[in-house]
Every structure is written in C-alpha cells, then in structure tokens.
Protein backbone atom coordinates (compact mmCIF):
# COMPACT_ATOMS: atom_id res chain seq x y z
CA MET A 1 -51.78 17.77 22.05
CA ALA A 2 -48.24 16.78 23.04
CA SER A 3 -47.07 13.65 24.82
CA SER A 4 -44.88 13.63 27.92
CA LEU A 5 -43.33 11.64 30.75
CA VAL A 6 -44.57 12.89 34.12
CA ARG A 7 -41.88 11.95 36.64
CA GLY A 8 -41.76 11.80 40.43
CA LYS A 9 -39.81 10.31 43.30
CA TYR A 10 -43.09 8.48 43.87
CA VAL A 11 -46.13 7.87 41.68
CA ILE A 12 -49.37 7.15 43.54
CA SER A 13 -51.22 5.07 40.98
CA LYS A 14 -54.31 4.14 42.96
CA VAL A 15 -55.66 3.30 46.41
CA THR A 16 -56.44 -0.41 46.70
CA GLY A 17 -57.81 -0.67 50.25
CA PRO A 18 -58.18 1.05 53.63
CA ASN A 19 -54.45 0.61 54.23
CA SER A 20 -52.94 -0.02 50.81
CA ALA A 21 -52.11 1.67 47.54
CA VAL A 22 -50.05 1.08 44.41
CA VAL A 23 -47.04 3.39 44.79
CA ILE A 24 -44.12 3.30 42.35
CA SER A 25 -40.75 4.61 43.54
CA ASP A 26 -38.82 6.73 41.03
CA GLY A 27 -41.78 6.35 38.72
CA ALA A 28 -43.33 8.07 35.75
CA VAL A 29 -46.54 8.29 33.78
CA LEU A 30 -46.43 8.28 29.99
CA GLN A 31 -49.33 10.21 28.50
CA GLN A 32 -50.05 10.72 24.82
CA ASP A 33 -52.72 13.16 23.71
CA GLY A 34 -54.24 13.11 27.19
CA LEU A 35 -54.38 9.30 27.46
CA ILE A 36 -52.26 7.43 30.00
CA VAL A 37 -50.35 4.81 28.02
CA GLU A 38 -47.95 3.40 30.60
CA VAL A 39 -47.13 3.79 34.29
CA GLY A 40 -43.88 2.38 35.59
CA GLU A 41 -40.28 3.00 36.62
CA TYR A 42 -38.86 6.21 35.23
CA GLN A 43 -35.56 4.77 33.94
CA ASP A 44 -37.36 2.04 32.02
CA LEU A 45 -39.83 4.43 30.42
CA ARG A 46 -37.11 6.97 29.69
CA SER A 47 -34.97 4.38 27.93
CA ARG A 48 -37.85 3.39 25.70
CA TYR A 49 -39.16 6.92 25.11
CA PRO A 50 -35.99 9.05 25.05
CA ASN A 51 -37.50 11.93 23.08
CA GLU A 52 -40.51 12.63 25.29
CA GLU A 53 -40.66 15.85 27.29
CA VAL A 54 -40.08 15.15 30.99
CA ILE A 55 -42.33 17.01 33.41
CA GLY A 56 -41.31 16.86 37.06
CA SER A 57 -38.30 15.30 38.77
CA SER A 58 -37.31 13.24 41.78
CA ASN A 59 -38.45 16.15 43.98
CA TYR A 60 -42.14 15.43 43.44
CA VAL A 61 -45.02 13.11 44.17
CA VAL A 62 -47.07 12.36 41.06
CA MET A 63 -50.68 11.60 41.94
CA PRO A 64 -54.22 11.71 40.53
CA GLY A 65 -55.86 15.12 40.36
CA LEU A 66 -58.33 15.77 43.16
CA VAL A 67 -62.10 15.81 42.58
CA ASN A 68 -64.32 18.34 44.33
CA ASP A 69 -67.67 16.58 44.17
CA HIS A 70 -69.82 19.25 45.84
CA PHE A 71 -69.19 22.87 44.88
CA HIS A 72 -71.51 25.83 44.38
CA VAL A 73 -69.86 29.25 44.10
CA GLY A 74 -66.46 30.87 43.69
CA LEU A 75 -66.79 33.97 45.83
CA THR A 76 -67.88 32.66 49.19
CA PRO A 77 -71.03 33.91 50.93
CA PHE A 78 -68.74 35.31 53.66
CA GLN A 79 -66.87 37.38 51.05
CA LEU A 80 -70.23 38.69 49.85
CA GLY A 81 -71.37 39.69 53.34
CA ALA A 82 -73.32 36.67 54.64
CA PRO A 83 -72.02 35.67 58.10
CA ASP A 84 -71.65 32.06 59.21
CA LEU A 85 -75.01 31.11 60.76
CA PRO A 86 -77.04 27.92 61.06
CA LEU A 87 -77.92 26.88 57.51
CA GLU A 88 -81.55 28.01 57.65
CA MET A 89 -80.68 31.54 58.85
CA TRP A 90 -77.64 31.70 56.58
CA SER A 91 -79.75 30.88 53.51
CA LEU A 92 -81.96 33.87 54.30
CA ALA A 93 -78.97 36.17 54.83
CA ARG A 94 -77.57 35.12 51.45
CA ILE A 95 -80.47 36.54 49.45
CA GLY A 96 -79.13 40.02 50.25
CA SER A 97 -75.75 39.32 48.62
CA ARG A 98 -74.50 41.24 45.61
CA TYR A 99 -75.00 39.79 42.16
CA ILE A 100 -71.90 38.46 40.40
CA ASP A 101 -71.72 37.23 36.83
CA PRO A 102 -71.66 33.38 36.83
CA TYR A 103 -68.72 33.25 34.42
CA LEU A 104 -66.49 35.42 36.60
CA ASP A 105 -67.61 33.68 39.77
CA GLN A 106 -66.98 30.15 38.53
CA LEU A 107 -63.67 31.16 36.95
CA TYR A 108 -62.57 32.52 40.33
CA GLY A 109 -63.50 29.18 41.88
CA ALA A 110 -61.49 27.40 39.18
CA VAL A 111 -58.41 29.45 40.08
CA GLN A 112 -58.64 28.39 43.71
CA MET A 113 -59.22 24.76 42.83
CA ILE A 114 -56.43 24.47 40.27
CA GLU A 115 -53.97 26.13 42.62
CA SER A 116 -54.82 23.55 45.30
CA GLY A 117 -54.62 20.51 43.03
CA THR A 118 -58.25 19.97 42.02
CA THR A 119 -58.69 18.95 38.39
CA THR A 120 -62.41 18.04 38.38
CA VAL A 121 -65.38 19.78 39.96
CA GLN A 122 -69.05 18.96 40.29
CA ALA A 123 -70.54 22.44 39.96
CA ILE A 124 -73.98 22.33 41.59
CA HIS A 125 -75.04 25.71 40.34
CA SER A 126 -78.01 27.89 41.12
CA ALA A 127 -78.56 31.43 39.91
CA GLY A 128 -80.03 32.16 43.36
CA ARG A 129 -83.43 32.54 44.96
CA GLY A 130 -85.90 34.92 43.41
CA VAL A 131 -84.74 34.29 39.82
CA ALA A 132 -85.32 31.67 37.13
CA PRO A 133 -84.20 28.22 38.37
CA VAL A 134 -82.51 27.15 35.15
CA ASP A 135 -81.34 29.12 32.15
CA MET A 136 -79.39 28.12 29.04
CA GLY A 137 -77.43 31.36 29.07
CA VAL A 138 -76.33 30.77 32.67
CA ALA A 139 -75.40 27.17 31.84
CA ASP A 140 -73.22 28.38 28.97
CA LYS A 141 -71.41 30.82 31.25
CA VAL A 142 -70.73 28.23 33.94
CA VAL A 143 -69.45 25.61 31.51
CA LYS A 144 -67.37 28.16 29.60
CA ALA A 145 -65.61 29.22 32.78
CA TYR A 146 -64.30 25.69 33.27
CA GLN A 147 -63.54 25.18 29.60
CA ASP A 148 -61.47 28.37 29.65
CA SER A 149 -59.71 27.29 32.85
CA GLY A 150 -58.89 23.82 31.50
CA MET A 151 -60.65 22.02 34.35
CA ARG A 152 -62.99 19.08 34.01
CA VAL A 153 -66.58 19.95 35.09
CA SER A 154 -69.67 17.97 35.97
CA TYR A 155 -72.36 20.63 35.54
CA ALA A 156 -75.36 20.13 37.81
CA PRO A 157 -78.05 22.84 37.60
CA SER A 158 -79.76 22.93 40.99
CA ILE A 159 -83.56 22.63 40.84
CA ALA A 160 -86.23 23.33 43.48
CA ASP A 161 -89.96 23.92 43.15
CA GLN A 162 -90.96 24.34 46.81
CA ASN A 163 -89.61 24.98 50.32
CA SER A 164 -86.15 25.98 49.13
CA MET A 165 -85.51 28.12 52.21
CA VAL A 166 -87.81 26.85 54.95
CA ALA A 167 -88.56 23.33 56.18
CA GLY A 168 -88.88 21.98 59.70
CA SER A 169 -91.15 20.27 62.15
CA GLY A 170 -93.65 23.10 61.67
CA GLY A 171 -93.93 22.51 57.92
CA GLY A 172 -92.58 24.30 54.88
CA GLU A 173 -92.69 27.75 53.38
CA GLU A 174 -96.47 28.07 53.21
CA GLU A 175 -96.85 27.23 56.90
CA PHE A 176 -94.05 29.70 57.66
CA ALA A 177 -95.55 32.47 55.53
CA SER A 178 -98.92 32.04 57.21
CA ARG A 179 -97.32 33.12 60.52
CA MET A 180 -96.05 36.44 59.17
CA PRO A 181 -97.99 39.70 58.79
CA GLY A 182 -100.10 39.69 55.63
CA ASP A 183 -98.14 42.20 53.54
CA LEU A 184 -94.78 40.66 54.41
CA ALA A 185 -96.10 37.15 53.83
CA GLU A 186 -97.28 38.03 50.33
CA ARG A 187 -94.02 39.78 49.52
CA TYR A 188 -92.10 36.70 50.70
CA ARG A 189 -94.34 34.28 48.75
CA SER A 190 -94.00 36.37 45.59
CA PHE A 191 -90.23 36.52 45.89
CA MET A 192 -89.79 32.78 46.44
CA ALA A 193 -92.27 31.84 43.68
CA ARG A 194 -90.01 33.39 41.03
CA SER A 195 -87.70 30.38 41.38
CA TYR A 196 -90.40 27.72 41.32
CA TRP A 197 -91.20 26.54 37.84
CA PRO A 198 -93.48 23.59 37.11
CA VAL A 199 -91.98 20.39 35.75
CA ASP A 200 -93.22 21.11 32.22
CA ASP A 201 -91.23 24.37 32.16
CA VAL A 202 -88.05 23.02 33.75
CA MET A 203 -87.59 19.88 31.68
CA PRO A 204 -87.24 21.46 28.20
CA VAL A 205 -84.37 23.65 29.41
CA LEU A 206 -82.65 20.69 31.03
CA GLU A 207 -83.13 18.71 27.82
CA GLU A 208 -81.42 21.55 25.94
CA ILE A 209 -78.51 21.52 28.40
CA CYS A 210 -78.15 17.74 28.09
CA ALA A 211 -78.29 17.96 24.30
CA LYS A 212 -75.48 20.52 24.23
CA TYR A 213 -73.18 19.27 27.01
CA GLY A 214 -74.24 15.74 27.94
CA ASN A 215 -73.63 12.27 26.52
CA ASN A 216 -69.85 12.76 26.28
CA ARG A 217 -70.05 15.45 23.63
CA HIS A 218 -67.12 17.14 25.34
CA GLU A 219 -64.22 15.24 26.92
CA ARG A 220 -64.07 17.51 29.98
CA VAL A 221 -67.80 18.20 30.47
CA GLN A 222 -70.54 16.05 31.95
CA VAL A 223 -74.09 16.92 33.01
CA VAL A 224 -75.69 15.66 36.23
CA MET A 225 -79.22 16.19 37.52
CA ALA A 226 -79.35 18.05 40.83
CA PRO A 227 -82.68 18.22 42.67
CA SER A 228 -81.74 20.66 45.42
CA ASN A 229 -83.07 18.57 48.32
CA VAL A 230 -85.86 16.10 49.03
CA HIS A 231 -88.13 18.65 50.70
CA ARG A 232 -87.27 21.32 48.11
CA CYS A 233 -88.78 19.31 45.26
CA THR A 234 -92.26 17.96 44.79
CA ASP A 235 -92.47 14.22 44.20
CA GLU A 236 -93.37 15.00 40.60
CA MET A 237 -90.14 16.99 40.17
CA LEU A 238 -88.01 14.33 41.88
CA VAL A 239 -89.36 11.56 39.66
CA ALA A 240 -89.00 13.69 36.52
CA LEU A 241 -85.35 14.51 37.30
CA LYS A 242 -84.57 10.88 38.06
CA ASP A 243 -86.21 9.82 34.78
CA MET A 244 -84.20 12.42 32.85
CA ALA A 245 -80.99 11.20 34.46
CA THR A 246 -81.86 7.66 33.38
CA ARG A 247 -82.65 8.74 29.81
CA HIS A 248 -79.39 10.65 29.45
CA SER A 249 -77.24 8.24 31.49
CA THR A 250 -76.25 10.97 33.93
CA GLY A 251 -76.01 10.73 37.68
CA VAL A 252 -78.05 12.56 40.32
CA HIS A 253 -76.60 14.65 43.15
CA ILE A 254 -79.08 15.65 45.86
CA HIS A 255 -78.61 17.38 49.21
CA LEU A 256 -79.89 15.10 51.97
CA GLN A 257 -80.58 15.62 55.67
CA GLU A 258 -77.96 18.34 55.94
CA THR A 259 -79.58 19.72 59.10
CA VAL A 260 -81.78 18.32 61.84
CA TYR A 261 -84.65 20.53 60.65
CA GLN A 262 -84.64 18.83 57.25
CA LYS A 263 -84.93 15.46 58.94
CA LEU A 264 -87.72 16.76 61.18
CA TYR A 265 -89.59 17.99 58.11
CA GLY A 266 -89.48 14.48 56.69
CA LEU A 267 -90.81 12.96 59.89
CA GLN A 268 -93.65 15.51 59.89
CA ALA A 269 -94.47 15.29 56.15
CA TRP A 270 -94.00 11.57 55.45
CA ASN A 271 -93.61 9.99 58.91
CA LYS A 272 -90.13 8.85 57.83
CA THR A 273 -86.76 10.32 56.97
CA PRO A 274 -86.27 12.07 53.62
CA LEU A 275 -83.98 9.26 52.46
CA GLN A 276 -86.66 6.69 53.20
CA HIS A 277 -89.14 8.83 51.25
CA LEU A 278 -86.75 8.77 48.28
CA ASN A 279 -86.66 5.00 48.55
CA ASP A 280 -90.47 4.88 48.39
CA LEU A 281 -90.23 6.82 45.12
CA GLY A 282 -87.78 4.29 43.67
CA PHE A 283 -85.18 7.04 43.58
CA LEU A 284 -82.11 5.44 45.20
CA GLY A 285 -79.37 3.53 43.42
CA PRO A 286 -75.68 3.52 42.34
CA GLU A 287 -76.17 6.64 40.20
CA ILE A 288 -77.40 8.70 43.20
CA THR A 289 -75.09 10.73 45.44
CA CYS A 290 -76.46 12.23 48.65
CA GLY A 291 -74.64 15.37 49.68
CA HIS A 292 -74.04 15.92 53.42
CA SER A 293 -76.14 13.12 54.96
CA VAL A 294 -75.28 14.55 58.39
CA TRP A 295 -78.53 13.42 60.00
CA ALA A 296 -78.68 9.95 58.42
CA THR A 297 -80.04 7.32 60.79
CA ASP A 298 -78.71 3.78 61.15
CA GLU A 299 -81.69 2.67 59.05
CA ASP A 300 -80.79 5.24 56.40
CA ILE A 301 -77.21 4.02 56.25
CA ALA A 302 -78.36 0.42 55.83
CA LEU A 303 -80.67 1.55 53.02
CA MET A 304 -77.83 3.40 51.28
CA ALA A 305 -75.69 0.27 51.44
CA ALA A 306 -78.48 -2.00 50.20
CA THR A 307 -79.25 0.22 47.19
CA GLY A 308 -75.67 1.18 46.31
CA THR A 309 -76.42 4.85 46.95
CA ASN A 310 -73.40 7.11 47.48
CA VAL A 311 -72.58 9.95 49.91
CA CYS A 312 -70.61 13.17 49.46
CA HIS A 313 -68.97 14.39 52.69
CA ASN A 314 -68.70 18.17 53.20
CA ALA A 315 -67.03 18.32 56.60
CA SER A 316 -65.93 21.97 56.72
CA SER A 317 -69.25 23.34 55.51
CA ASN A 318 -71.16 21.24 58.04
CA LEU A 319 -69.02 22.67 60.83
CA ARG A 320 -69.24 26.27 59.65
CA LEU A 321 -73.03 26.22 59.41
CA GLN A 322 -73.60 24.30 62.65
CA SER A 323 -75.16 21.40 60.79
CA GLY A 324 -73.26 18.70 62.66
CA ILE A 325 -70.80 15.90 61.90
CA ALA A 326 -71.80 13.22 59.41
CA PRO A 327 -71.48 9.61 60.67
CA ILE A 328 -68.76 8.81 58.15
CA GLY A 329 -67.29 5.99 60.24
CA LYS A 330 -70.57 4.10 60.16
CA ILE A 331 -71.16 4.97 56.52
CA LEU A 332 -67.77 3.61 55.48
CA ALA A 333 -68.20 0.52 57.66
CA ALA A 334 -71.46 -0.20 55.83
CA GLY A 335 -69.60 -0.25 52.52
CA VAL A 336 -71.09 2.98 51.15
CA ARG A 337 -68.91 4.84 48.64
CA VAL A 338 -68.04 8.32 49.97
CA ALA A 339 -66.83 11.29 47.90
CA MET A 340 -65.73 14.71 49.18
CA GLY A 341 -66.60 18.35 48.51
CA SER A 342 -65.79 21.88 49.64
CA ASP A 343 -69.41 23.07 49.32
CA GLU A 344 -69.78 26.87 49.48
CA ALA A 345 -66.57 27.40 51.44
CA GLY A 346 -64.04 25.27 53.27
CA ILE A 347 -62.63 25.85 56.70
CA ASN A 348 -60.25 28.49 55.29
CA ASP A 349 -63.01 30.14 53.22
CA ASP A 350 -61.55 28.56 50.10
CA LYS A 351 -61.70 25.40 47.98
CA ASP A 352 -58.58 23.64 49.32
CA LEU A 353 -59.15 19.87 49.20
CA PHE A 354 -55.81 19.14 50.85
CA GLN A 355 -57.07 21.01 53.89
CA GLU A 356 -60.43 19.27 53.55
CA MET A 357 -58.79 15.85 53.43
CA ARG A 358 -56.93 16.61 56.63
CA MET A 359 -60.12 17.85 58.27
CA VAL A 360 -61.90 14.61 57.37
CA LEU A 361 -58.95 12.54 58.56
CA LYS A 362 -58.96 14.18 62.01
CA LEU A 363 -62.65 14.99 62.55
CA HIS A 364 -63.77 11.39 62.97
CA ARG A 365 -61.09 10.31 65.46
CA VAL A 366 -63.49 9.70 68.33
CA PRO A 367 -62.16 8.46 71.70
CA GLY A 368 -61.63 4.77 72.39
CA ILE A 369 -59.01 2.37 71.13
CA GLU A 370 -61.73 0.11 69.75
CA ASN A 371 -62.90 2.86 67.39
CA THR A 372 -61.26 2.86 63.95
CA PRO A 373 -61.37 6.27 62.23
CA PRO A 374 -61.09 6.73 58.45
CA THR A 375 -57.55 6.07 57.22
CA ALA A 376 -55.47 8.36 55.03
CA TYR A 377 -56.00 5.89 52.17
CA GLN A 378 -59.78 6.09 52.52
CA VAL A 379 -59.65 9.87 52.65
CA LEU A 380 -57.49 10.09 49.53
CA GLN A 381 -59.90 7.67 47.84
CA MET A 382 -62.78 10.03 48.70
CA ALA A 383 -60.96 12.92 47.03
CA THR A 384 -59.99 11.01 43.89
CA VAL A 385 -61.61 7.86 42.53
CA ASN A 386 -64.82 8.10 44.59
CA GLY A 387 -65.34 11.69 43.50
CA ALA A 388 -64.67 10.66 39.92
CA TYR A 389 -67.41 8.03 40.17
CA ALA A 390 -69.93 10.40 41.73
CA SER A 391 -69.28 13.13 39.15
CA MET A 392 -69.80 10.66 36.27
CA PHE A 393 -66.15 10.64 35.18
CA GLY A 394 -65.41 7.34 36.92
CA ASP A 395 -64.36 5.49 33.77
CA ARG A 396 -61.81 8.18 32.89
CA ILE A 397 -60.10 9.63 35.95
CA GLY A 398 -59.37 9.14 39.66
CA THR A 399 -56.41 6.75 39.23
CA LEU A 400 -53.20 6.78 37.21
CA GLU A 401 -53.53 3.66 35.08
CA PRO A 402 -53.22 2.88 31.36
CA GLY A 403 -56.47 3.74 29.60
CA LYS A 404 -57.39 6.57 31.99
CA ARG A 405 -57.16 10.24 31.06
CA ALA A 406 -54.09 12.14 32.22
CA ASP A 407 -55.47 14.25 35.09
CA ILE A 408 -52.32 14.53 37.21
CA ILE A 409 -50.83 16.78 39.87
CA LEU A 410 -47.23 17.12 40.99
CA LEU A 411 -46.72 17.77 44.68
CA ASP A 412 -43.40 19.23 45.86
CA LEU A 413 -41.94 16.93 48.50
CA ARG A 414 -39.82 19.48 50.34
CA ASN A 415 -42.41 20.58 52.89
CA ILE A 416 -43.49 16.96 53.36
CA GLU A 417 -40.10 15.31 53.81
CA GLU A 418 -37.81 18.07 55.10
CA PRO A 419 -36.01 18.41 57.41
CA PHE A 420 -36.81 14.76 58.20
CA LEU A 421 -39.47 12.13 57.68
CA ASP A 422 -38.95 8.58 58.87
CA PRO A 423 -38.59 6.35 55.79
CA GLU A 424 -41.07 3.89 57.32
CA VAL A 425 -43.90 6.45 57.13
CA PRO A 426 -46.17 5.34 54.24
CA LEU A 427 -46.26 7.86 51.42
CA VAL A 428 -50.07 8.15 51.33
CA ASP A 429 -50.08 8.91 55.04
CA ALA A 430 -47.38 11.54 54.52
CA VAL A 431 -49.29 13.22 51.68
CA VAL A 432 -52.61 13.38 53.53
CA HIS A 433 -51.10 14.36 56.89
CA ARG A 434 -48.55 16.87 55.61
CA GLY A 435 -49.37 17.87 52.02
CA ARG A 436 -50.69 21.39 51.51
CA SER A 437 -52.03 23.39 48.61
CA ILE A 438 -48.81 25.45 48.49
CA ASP A 439 -46.98 22.22 47.63
CA VAL A 440 -48.96 21.79 44.40
CA ASP A 441 -46.48 22.74 41.69
CA THR A 442 -47.96 21.46 38.43
CA VAL A 443 -51.51 20.56 37.40
CA ILE A 444 -52.33 18.60 34.24
CA VAL A 445 -55.85 18.00 32.94
CA ASP A 446 -56.38 15.60 30.06
CA GLY A 447 -52.69 15.90 29.25
CA GLU A 448 -52.77 19.71 29.14
CA ILE A 449 -50.71 21.70 31.64
CA VAL A 450 -53.05 24.21 33.32
CA MET A 451 -50.56 25.22 36.04
CA ARG A 452 -46.77 24.94 35.96
CA ASP A 453 -44.36 26.16 38.63
CA ARG A 454 -47.50 27.45 40.41
CA GLN A 455 -48.27 29.73 37.45
CA LEU A 456 -51.66 29.34 35.76
CA THR A 457 -51.28 28.81 32.02
CA LYS A 458 -54.84 29.49 30.82
CA ILE A 459 -56.20 32.13 33.22
CA ASP A 460 -55.02 35.71 33.69
CA LYS A 461 -55.40 35.68 37.47
CA GLU A 462 -54.44 39.31 37.99
CA GLY A 463 -56.85 40.46 35.29
CA LEU A 464 -59.66 38.28 36.68
CA PHE A 465 -59.22 39.66 40.20
CA LYS A 466 -59.27 43.21 38.84
CA GLU A 467 -62.47 42.51 36.91
CA LEU A 468 -64.11 40.95 39.97
CA LYS A 469 -63.20 43.93 42.12
CA GLU A 470 -64.58 46.38 39.57
CA ALA A 471 -67.79 44.37 39.21
CA LEU A 472 -68.44 44.28 42.97
CA ASP A 473 -66.98 47.57 44.22
CA ARG A 474 -70.17 49.54 43.57
CA PRO A 475 -73.37 50.66 45.30
CA LEU A 476 -76.14 48.08 45.62
CA THR A 477 -78.68 47.98 42.81
CA SER A 478 -82.36 48.58 43.58
CA GLN A 479 -83.00 44.83 43.24
CA GLU A 480 -80.19 44.06 45.68
CA GLU A 481 -81.52 46.64 48.11
CA GLU A 482 -84.97 45.07 47.88
CA ARG A 483 -83.60 41.58 48.56
CA ARG A 484 -81.50 42.77 51.49
CA GLU A 485 -84.49 44.55 53.04
CA LEU A 486 -86.63 41.43 52.65
CA SER A 487 -83.95 39.39 54.39
CA TRP A 488 -83.90 41.79 57.35
CA LEU A 489 -87.69 41.88 57.65
CA VAL A 490 -88.12 38.11 57.49
CA GLU A 491 -85.24 37.22 59.83
CA PRO A 492 -86.98 37.50 63.23
CA HIS A 493 -89.97 35.51 61.96
CA LEU A 494 -87.76 32.75 60.58
CA ARG A 495 -85.79 32.53 63.80
CA GLN A 496 -89.05 32.20 65.77
CA PHE A 497 -90.28 29.48 63.36
CA TYR A 498 -87.35 27.22 64.28
CA GLN A 499 -86.94 28.29 67.91
CA GLY A 500 -87.17 25.39 70.34
CA THR A 501 -87.83 22.71 67.71
CA MET A 502 -84.46 20.93 67.83
CA PRO A 503 -84.77 17.77 69.94
CA ARG A 504 -82.37 17.64 72.88
CA ASP A 505 -82.72 14.01 73.91
CA THR A 506 -81.49 12.30 70.75
CA GLU A 507 -78.60 9.83 70.81
CA PRO A 508 -75.65 11.03 68.68
CA HIS A 509 -73.75 8.70 66.38
CA THR A 510 -70.46 9.64 68.09
CA ASN A 511 -69.75 10.90 71.61
CA TYR A 512 -66.68 13.08 71.96
CA ASN A 513 -66.81 13.63 75.73
CA ALA A 514 -69.03 13.26 78.79
CA GLN A 515 -70.85 15.73 81.01
CA SER A 516 -69.96 13.85 84.17
C-alpha cells in the first residue's frame, strides 16, 4: 500500500470538548501503509517528505471519516414498498417486502455511505422475520460486500428468540396471537417461530462467525453481538450473548426503549423499564451500546452514566416512525457517550450522516435561553470518535493522530465558504452547519482511496444498480405473496392490540410549545 500526504486548508484532528477541537491551518496528514505517522503543517511535512504523493489541496477540509453506528439495510423499506408507519405497524408491513440478496443490498448501502463520507459502519444485520436468525453464508455475503467496497465494518448479526414484532402493555406475541382467530393465530405463530432458535442452536453459528471475522483477524472487520431488543430476547439469550461478547472481547449493540410500547412492555413484564431489567441481569457496562433510547427515564439515564453504558442516537429514524425524540440533552449532560446512526433510512431516505448531524444539531434546540443544546463539536464527536468506540474500532479510528489508521475524508470548501463566510466562524461549526454529502470529494479507508473526485474506485456503481433493478423488477415469488397476505390479514388485529394503550398524561423530557 502506498504512502501519501493528505492536504487541506484545514485539518480537523480531533474534538477535545463541547466547544473545542484541534484544527491545523494549511495542514496535512502523512500516512504510510494505512497508518497515520504525522499530522502537522503542510509546508513542514512537504519539505521533509518531498517525494510523497499529495492528495488534496488548499481547497479542502481534511477530517476523520464518519462512523455510522446503527445501520441495517441498503435498500430502504420505503423503496421496497413499506410506508412510514409507527414502528410496530411498520415492522408488520415490512414482512411483505421483496427479497434481496444480502451482498447486493449491503453493497448498495456502502455506495451511499462512501459517497456521503462514511468510512465505518456497524451493520446490524438480520435476514428478516420468518427465516433463520443467523447463517454463516449470510454473514459471508454481508462482510464481503464491505470488503469489496473498501469500507470498515463492525458486523452485528441481530438475534431474537421471542416477541420480535409485538410487545406492549398487553404482553407479547403469545398474548397477541391468542386474540386472533384460531387459523390465523396458528399461521402467525408458525411464521414467527421460524426465526426463533434456542440458545444452543444460535451460539455455535455465532462462534463460527467470531472465529472467522473476530479478534482482529481482519484490519477492517470487527464482530459485535446484537441482541435485537430486551423484550425480543429471553433472559437466557441475553446472558449468553453478553457472555460471548466477553469471551471474544467484542461489544454489544442492543435496541432499547425505541417506542413507548417497548417501555410499557417492560413495566408490565418486570415492573421496571427494560434498561433496569438489563441492569438486574448484570448486562450493562462500557462495552454496551443502547440504540435509540427514546423512552429512557431520568432513572435510566443515571444508570447509564453510573455503568458507563453508551447510547446510539438515530434521530431521523425516530421521527419517521413516530417513535419520539430521544432526551439527548439530558443524556449528554449526564456524561453518557453518544454515537450516531442512520438506522434503516435517514430523513432523505438515504444514509447521509452529514444530513443526520445537522438534524441532531437542530432537533434538540428547545426554547429557553437557559437550555443548552448539543454543540456542533459534540455532534461531530458522535459521528466520529464516539461511533468508533461503540463499533469496537475505538483504538484505531475516529481522530487524525499518529498511531491511528488513515480513515480520512476530504470535504470541498467551496459550498461551505463561498460566496462568503465570516472568518470568525469556527471551522467545526461551519462543517456541521453547512457541509453536505455533495461536498465529499475523496474518501480514504486504511490509507486506500475508495472514492476520488466523487468517483468510486472499487465499486462499479452503474453495474450494481443494473443488477439490483434486474433482481427486483420481477413478479413476487409464492413465498413473498404468502408473507404479504399474512401482513394484510394480521394488520387490523395488531392495530387493535395497541389501540388506546399509549399514556397521554406523561411528562415529556422536552416541551417545544404550550397549548395555552
């Protein structure tokens, strides 16, 4: 692998606080074989390394590659025909979607992420409901997609062994099925049971995945355990996944209290929130990341802080699926580390973390001069070093410093600075407020250029899109027809199961306006 000097008008080395960062004017990063050797002033480095290839110029910002810490699929559910609905209804609608090969799907996601400056992804992957929960062949396809793209991937096979679609104050899937007509109830139970394997069947496959891809066997691949959600796993499964993560020194990424119904299930099942139930199991700690955490209570937030547990914020997804707005201001104030993810689809039905950063920056600006919203520095930290930590690449990426791997993006300054930008505006503020995915010119992962002049170097984008279109532009298979019919038949019963169960007298974390 070649060495190079990556040059910019500014180099953002790292965020150092809520209102501070190390920024080098007319700077450069020297990388050799994917390792950052020096970061400093361009003229100094150029004089000492005159023969190195120079990537970039004074027209760019050089900054760490972004980290998408919560990602599932490439083609969005909306593209595949599932409308935006509350999460519980949306999950049911999704079972009628067309099948797409995991390799093609994840490679499509990689295209979108690379083009918008993301160099690392935590791929929380599930083959879908009604099929085997974990499969070595599927794992190979997902990992290969990212290896072929050049991206760094934290592969997290999503596991559930109960209640993966239904949970609320009325109970879980068995309580729901008991309310449906007998034939439909049995058909529903049979369909859902295909994805529920006992611990003794799940663990050997996960061991095989860890043996092949874990323990730093590949520079750009990590493995993370991913119990789908607290209510979607039996206690036995939760403990087994946590134990496996400990044995293999991986992290754990778990969905948590994404919707009010999930919180209500916890109060009904355990007389406490799902997070507090995890604490009873000895599950929480610095290696745990809780995705969403929209319905975290003040007590939950204090528990996260006390145990060093992390949060991944998925603002756009939470808005699209009517889940709510996570109390990120309180979570940050408690000292909890927060990462960021696009989830299934961002606000633009894509994987654009620049747009997601701006959404997070503006979403939590609640009224009142005494309220301090997240700063641009904190938001950039979520999308870089905090995501690196949560995806188990924290010792390698997230900042541009000697000893780290060279995961770097070059952002064209023209749209940010022209026709005018006051020179007193801090650079990090300018990037987060004004930077867009179309400004991403060059993307480097581990020293390898995977996009240059906005042209992908490792993926035939046109050929991929043609292959995707051919794979999906076809009549539904009999299995797809069966799944779609089941979704239609179950829908009115599921809607009735949740109807009227959302409490209306709860105190929100943040008030945006008043009724009178």
